[in-house]
Amino acid sequence: MTCARAVALTVLTECDPATKARAASALYASVLAGTAPFEPARTFDEPADLPGRPARPPLVEPRLLQRRSMRTAEGRAVLLHALAHIEFNAINLALDAVWRFAGMPERFYLDWLKVAAEEAHHFSLLVARLGDFGAAYGDFPAHDGLWEMCERTRDDVLARMALVPRTLEARGLDASPPIRARLVQAGDDASAAVLDVILRDEVGHVLIGNHWFRHLCTERGLDPHETWLALAEQYKAPRLRGPFNFEARREAGFDEAELSALTKLAAGDDAAAAAGNT
């Protein structure tokens, strides 16, 4: 039988987004069927030029991305494209966790293959909705922030769990409700329905990240709260700004001490920014 972690690496190198999405879903199905063992102890040489991705969209600095009003069809297409790019990167992030980090419990690999399959589904939903606007993935510029953090945390699974699912991806829990409200206000209930599916699943993905972060902290005898703060500083994680979706974050496994600390950090950053502008 083929090693599922080896297949995950192969899928990660795939450049065609639609093919990658189908292959990620198929790999998860094969694992559930018992036809692809994980082989946790196995290690792999890293190929050059990870991840596999298409020539388009062009990747630019976030500050160069234009903002358009969601009151227009073009503006909503740009938004859907940005979300599709996030989901494409999320497929890559989940697959990377599966092949890269040897010696983890089998449940770790199963969890992240489940995430990869669900991110593939989200990507497909967004691409289909983009098609309703006469657009396709690759038509607009995008940025590479998610994968850049993936590369920074390539040597430590604890840092990866701390800063990708439970920091960067958790930002999506906060961003989804206001974006959804603006779509509904624009009369785009179909796009809002896609966001409902994504938010529902993303709560589970962040919960998985929280679970494995705490598991690793326990193994290493570390305090989760202090460890997250230290890792965020060490790896230069972006500062998180409110408003926060506390309900979704609680469902995703954040405790009250973490939510309180998050609020204080954001308040401190806002106060510093205000002082700098006076």
Protein backbone atom coordinates (compact mmCIF):
# COMPACT_ATOMS: atom_id res chain seq x y z
CA MET A 1 0.00 0.00 0.00
CA THR A 2 1.14 3.54 -0.76
CA CYS A 3 2.24 5.73 2.14
CA ALA A 4 -0.35 8.48 2.64
CA ARG A 5 2.29 10.97 3.75
CA ALA A 6 4.27 10.36 0.55
CA VAL A 7 1.13 10.91 -1.49
CA ALA A 8 0.44 14.13 0.45
CA LEU A 9 3.85 15.43 -0.64
CA THR A 10 3.10 14.50 -4.25
CA VAL A 11 -0.24 16.31 -4.11
CA LEU A 12 1.50 19.33 -2.58
CA THR A 13 3.78 19.55 -5.63
CA GLU A 14 0.81 19.51 -8.04
CA CYS A 15 0.53 22.87 -9.81
CA ASP A 16 -2.99 22.70 -11.22
CA PRO A 17 -5.42 23.89 -8.52
CA ALA A 18 -8.41 21.80 -9.61
CA THR A 19 -6.29 18.67 -9.86
CA LYS A 20 -4.76 19.37 -6.44
CA ALA A 21 -8.20 19.83 -4.86
CA ARG A 22 -9.50 16.55 -6.30
CA ALA A 23 -6.34 14.68 -5.29
CA ALA A 24 -6.49 15.99 -1.70
CA SER A 25 -10.07 14.79 -1.36
CA ALA A 26 -9.22 11.43 -2.92
CA LEU A 27 -6.28 10.94 -0.57
CA TYR A 28 -8.44 11.52 2.50
CA ALA A 29 -11.00 9.04 1.15
CA SER A 30 -8.31 6.42 0.58
CA VAL A 31 -7.04 6.82 4.15
CA LEU A 32 -10.56 6.41 5.51
CA ALA A 33 -10.90 3.28 3.36
CA GLY A 34 -7.72 1.86 4.91
CA THR A 35 -5.76 1.68 1.67
CA ALA A 36 -3.04 4.23 2.52
CA PRO A 37 -1.13 3.90 5.84
CA PHE A 38 0.65 6.93 7.30
CA GLU A 39 4.10 5.51 8.23
CA PRO A 40 4.71 8.20 10.91
CA ALA A 41 8.42 7.42 11.34
CA ARG A 42 9.22 7.96 7.66
CA THR A 43 11.12 11.11 6.62
CA PHE A 44 11.33 12.69 3.18
CA ASP A 45 13.69 14.91 1.25
CA GLU A 46 12.06 18.26 0.53
CA PRO A 47 11.58 18.99 -3.17
CA ALA A 48 12.47 22.37 -4.57
CA ASP A 49 9.84 25.00 -5.24
CA LEU A 50 7.15 24.02 -2.77
CA PRO A 51 4.26 24.38 -3.04
CA GLY A 52 3.14 23.49 -6.53
CA ARG A 53 0.99 26.32 -7.87
CA PRO A 54 -0.08 27.79 -11.19
CA ALA A 55 1.64 30.66 -12.96
CA ARG A 56 -1.35 32.85 -12.11
CA PRO A 57 -2.43 34.62 -9.96
CA PRO A 58 0.54 36.97 -9.77
CA LEU A 59 1.74 37.31 -6.17
CA VAL A 60 2.28 40.85 -4.90
CA GLU A 61 2.74 42.66 -1.60
CA PRO A 62 -0.53 42.92 0.35
CA ARG A 63 -0.38 46.73 0.24
CA LEU A 64 -0.53 46.57 -3.58
CA LEU A 65 -3.86 44.75 -3.65
CA GLN A 66 -6.68 47.02 -4.69
CA ARG A 67 -9.87 47.17 -2.65
CA ARG A 68 -13.16 47.34 -4.52
CA SER A 69 -16.67 47.94 -3.29
CA MET A 70 -18.76 44.82 -2.73
CA ARG A 71 -21.72 46.76 -4.09
CA THR A 72 -20.39 45.96 -7.56
CA ALA A 73 -20.16 42.56 -9.24
CA GLU A 74 -16.47 43.14 -9.92
CA GLY A 75 -15.84 43.95 -6.27
CA ARG A 76 -17.52 40.74 -5.16
CA ALA A 77 -15.54 38.77 -7.73
CA VAL A 78 -12.31 40.23 -6.33
CA LEU A 79 -13.39 39.24 -2.82
CA LEU A 80 -14.29 35.69 -3.87
CA HIS A 81 -10.95 35.41 -5.64
CA ALA A 82 -9.09 36.49 -2.49
CA LEU A 83 -11.00 33.88 -0.48
CA ALA A 84 -10.29 31.21 -3.10
CA HIS A 85 -6.59 32.03 -2.87
CA ILE A 86 -6.72 31.63 0.92
CA GLU A 87 -8.40 28.24 0.54
CA PHE A 88 -5.88 27.11 -2.09
CA ASN A 89 -3.09 28.02 0.31
CA ALA A 90 -4.94 26.24 3.10
CA ILE A 91 -4.91 23.00 1.09
CA ASN A 92 -1.13 23.38 0.78
CA LEU A 93 -0.69 24.16 4.48
CA ALA A 94 -2.60 21.06 5.56
CA LEU A 95 -0.74 18.78 3.13
CA ASP A 96 2.58 20.23 4.26
CA ALA A 97 1.84 19.35 7.89
CA VAL A 98 1.12 15.75 6.86
CA TRP A 99 4.36 15.01 5.02
CA ARG A 100 6.78 17.29 6.87
CA PHE A 101 6.40 16.42 10.54
CA ALA A 102 7.47 12.85 11.26
CA GLY A 103 6.89 11.03 14.53
CA MET A 104 3.46 12.43 15.30
CA PRO A 105 0.45 10.29 16.32
CA GLU A 106 -1.52 8.87 13.40
CA ARG A 107 -4.50 11.01 14.43
CA PHE A 108 -2.43 14.12 13.66
CA TYR A 109 -2.05 13.07 10.03
CA LEU A 110 -5.69 12.04 9.73
CA ASP A 111 -6.82 15.37 11.14
CA TRP A 112 -4.78 17.39 8.67
CA LEU A 113 -5.84 15.29 5.70
CA LYS A 114 -9.44 15.95 6.73
CA VAL A 115 -8.61 19.65 6.79
CA ALA A 116 -7.01 19.41 3.33
CA ALA A 117 -10.10 17.72 1.91
CA GLU A 118 -12.43 20.32 3.41
CA GLU A 119 -10.27 23.19 2.19
CA ALA A 120 -10.39 21.60 -1.26
CA HIS A 121 -14.18 21.62 -1.05
CA HIS A 122 -14.17 25.29 -0.04
CA PHE A 123 -11.87 26.13 -2.93
CA SER A 124 -14.16 24.35 -5.37
CA LEU A 125 -17.24 26.19 -4.04
CA LEU A 126 -15.51 29.55 -4.40
CA VAL A 127 -14.23 28.80 -7.90
CA ALA A 128 -17.73 27.78 -8.96
CA ARG A 129 -19.17 30.99 -7.53
CA LEU A 130 -16.42 32.98 -9.25
CA GLY A 131 -17.56 31.41 -12.50
CA ASP A 132 -21.02 32.89 -11.93
CA PHE A 133 -19.33 36.29 -12.17
CA GLY A 134 -17.50 35.35 -15.36
CA ALA A 135 -14.17 35.10 -13.51
CA ALA A 136 -11.70 32.34 -12.69
CA TYR A 137 -8.99 31.67 -10.13
CA GLY A 138 -5.87 33.48 -11.32
CA ASP A 139 -7.68 36.48 -12.79
CA PHE A 140 -6.66 38.88 -10.00
CA PRO A 141 -3.41 39.43 -8.04
CA ALA A 142 -2.97 37.80 -4.62
CA HIS A 143 -0.45 37.74 -1.77
CA ASP A 144 1.54 34.92 -0.19
CA GLY A 145 1.32 35.65 3.54
CA LEU A 146 -0.02 32.27 4.62
CA TRP A 147 2.66 30.26 2.86
CA GLU A 148 5.40 32.60 4.10
CA MET A 149 4.50 31.68 7.69
CA CYS A 150 4.43 28.04 6.67
CA GLU A 151 8.03 28.35 5.49
CA ARG A 152 9.11 30.17 8.64
CA THR A 153 7.76 27.36 10.84
CA ARG A 154 9.07 24.50 8.71
CA ASP A 155 11.46 23.22 11.41
CA ASP A 156 9.11 23.09 14.40
CA VAL A 157 5.67 21.50 14.48
CA LEU A 158 4.84 23.40 17.70
CA ALA A 159 5.46 26.76 16.00
CA ARG A 160 3.44 25.60 13.00
CA MET A 161 0.44 24.69 15.15
CA ALA A 162 0.72 27.91 17.15
CA LEU A 163 1.02 30.34 14.28
CA VAL A 164 -0.79 28.90 11.27
CA PRO A 165 -4.11 27.32 12.34
CA ARG A 166 -4.62 29.04 15.68
CA THR A 167 -3.25 32.46 14.67
CA LEU A 168 -3.48 33.16 10.92
CA GLU A 169 -6.39 30.87 10.10
CA ALA A 170 -8.24 31.89 13.25
CA ARG A 171 -8.34 35.40 11.83
CA GLY A 172 -10.86 34.03 9.35
CA LEU A 173 -13.24 33.31 12.22
CA ASP A 174 -13.21 37.04 13.00
CA ALA A 175 -13.38 38.23 9.39
CA SER A 176 -16.22 36.02 8.10
CA PRO A 177 -19.25 37.58 9.86
CA PRO A 178 -18.67 41.19 8.72
CA ILE A 179 -17.84 40.03 5.18
CA ARG A 180 -20.99 37.91 5.12
CA ALA A 181 -23.07 40.86 6.33
CA ARG A 182 -21.73 43.05 3.54
CA LEU A 183 -22.53 40.38 0.95
CA VAL A 184 -26.08 40.08 2.22
CA GLN A 185 -26.40 43.87 2.19
CA ALA A 186 -25.33 43.78 -1.46
CA GLY A 187 -28.02 41.18 -2.17
CA ASP A 188 -25.51 38.37 -2.77
CA ASP A 189 -27.06 35.59 -0.70
CA ALA A 190 -25.40 32.89 -2.82
CA SER A 191 -21.90 34.06 -1.92
CA ALA A 192 -22.94 34.51 1.72
CA ALA A 193 -24.07 30.86 1.77
CA VAL A 194 -20.59 29.77 0.67
CA LEU A 195 -19.10 31.72 3.57
CA ASP A 196 -21.47 29.92 5.94
CA VAL A 197 -20.01 26.57 4.87
CA ILE A 198 -16.46 27.85 5.19
CA LEU A 199 -16.95 29.35 8.66
CA ARG A 200 -18.60 26.17 9.94
CA ASP A 201 -15.66 24.04 8.83
CA GLU A 202 -12.97 26.54 9.80
CA VAL A 203 -14.09 26.40 13.43
CA GLY A 204 -13.19 22.71 13.32
CA HIS A 205 -9.86 23.38 11.64
CA VAL A 206 -8.80 25.88 14.28
CA LEU A 207 -9.99 23.45 16.95
CA ILE A 208 -7.63 20.84 15.47
CA GLY A 209 -4.78 23.34 15.59
CA ASN A 210 -5.58 24.17 19.20
CA HIS A 211 -5.70 20.49 20.13
CA TRP A 212 -2.29 19.68 18.68
CA PHE A 213 -0.71 22.87 19.99
CA ARG A 214 -1.76 21.95 23.53
CA HIS A 215 -0.77 18.32 23.00
CA LEU A 216 2.75 19.41 22.03
CA CYS A 217 2.96 21.92 24.89
CA THR A 218 2.07 19.13 27.32
CA GLU A 219 4.69 16.83 25.79
CA ARG A 220 7.36 19.51 26.12
CA GLY A 221 6.28 20.70 29.57
CA LEU A 222 5.38 24.18 28.32
CA ASP A 223 2.68 26.62 29.38
CA PRO A 224 0.43 27.18 26.31
CA HIS A 225 -0.28 30.85 26.99
CA GLU A 226 3.34 31.87 27.54
CA THR A 227 4.49 29.66 24.67
CA TRP A 228 2.12 31.26 22.17
CA LEU A 229 3.26 34.75 23.13
CA ALA A 230 6.91 33.76 22.81
CA LEU A 231 6.41 32.06 19.43
CA ALA A 232 4.38 34.96 18.06
CA GLU A 233 7.25 37.28 18.95
CA GLN A 234 9.98 34.93 17.71
CA TYR A 235 8.37 34.30 14.33
CA LYS A 236 7.02 37.83 13.90
CA ALA A 237 3.40 36.82 13.62
CA PRO A 238 1.09 39.63 12.50
CA ARG A 239 -0.61 41.54 15.27
CA LEU A 240 -4.24 40.55 15.69
CA ARG A 241 -6.85 43.28 15.64
CA GLY A 242 -10.48 43.17 16.70
CA PRO A 243 -13.34 42.90 16.56
CA PHE A 244 -13.03 39.22 17.49
CA ASN A 245 -15.60 36.49 16.95
CA PHE A 246 -15.51 35.25 20.54
CA GLU A 247 -18.31 32.73 20.03
CA ALA A 248 -16.52 31.01 17.16
CA ARG A 249 -13.16 31.19 18.94
CA ARG A 250 -14.65 29.49 22.00
CA GLU A 251 -16.08 26.75 19.76
CA ALA A 252 -12.62 26.43 18.23
CA GLY A 253 -11.03 25.70 21.60
CA PHE A 254 -9.71 29.03 22.85
CA ASP A 255 -10.10 29.40 26.61
CA GLU A 256 -11.19 32.53 28.46
CA ALA A 257 -7.64 33.41 29.52
CA GLU A 258 -6.52 33.37 25.88
CA LEU A 259 -9.46 35.49 24.75
CA SER A 260 -8.79 38.00 27.53
CA ALA A 261 -5.11 38.19 26.59
CA LEU A 262 -6.04 38.63 22.93
CA THR A 263 -8.31 41.54 23.78
CA LYS A 264 -5.62 43.21 25.89
CA LEU A 265 -2.97 42.76 23.18
CA ALA A 266 -5.25 44.28 20.56
CA ALA A 267 -6.16 47.15 22.85
CA GLY A 268 -2.51 47.82 23.56
CA ASP A 269 -1.67 47.88 19.86
CA ASP A 270 -4.56 50.25 19.13
CA ALA A 271 -3.47 52.57 21.92
CA ALA A 272 0.12 52.57 20.65
CA ALA A 273 -1.07 53.31 17.13
CA ALA A 274 -3.26 56.16 18.36
CA ALA A 275 -0.36 57.62 20.35
CA GLY A 276 1.86 57.44 17.30
CA ASN A 277 -0.65 59.45 15.28
CA THR A 278 -0.87 62.31 17.78
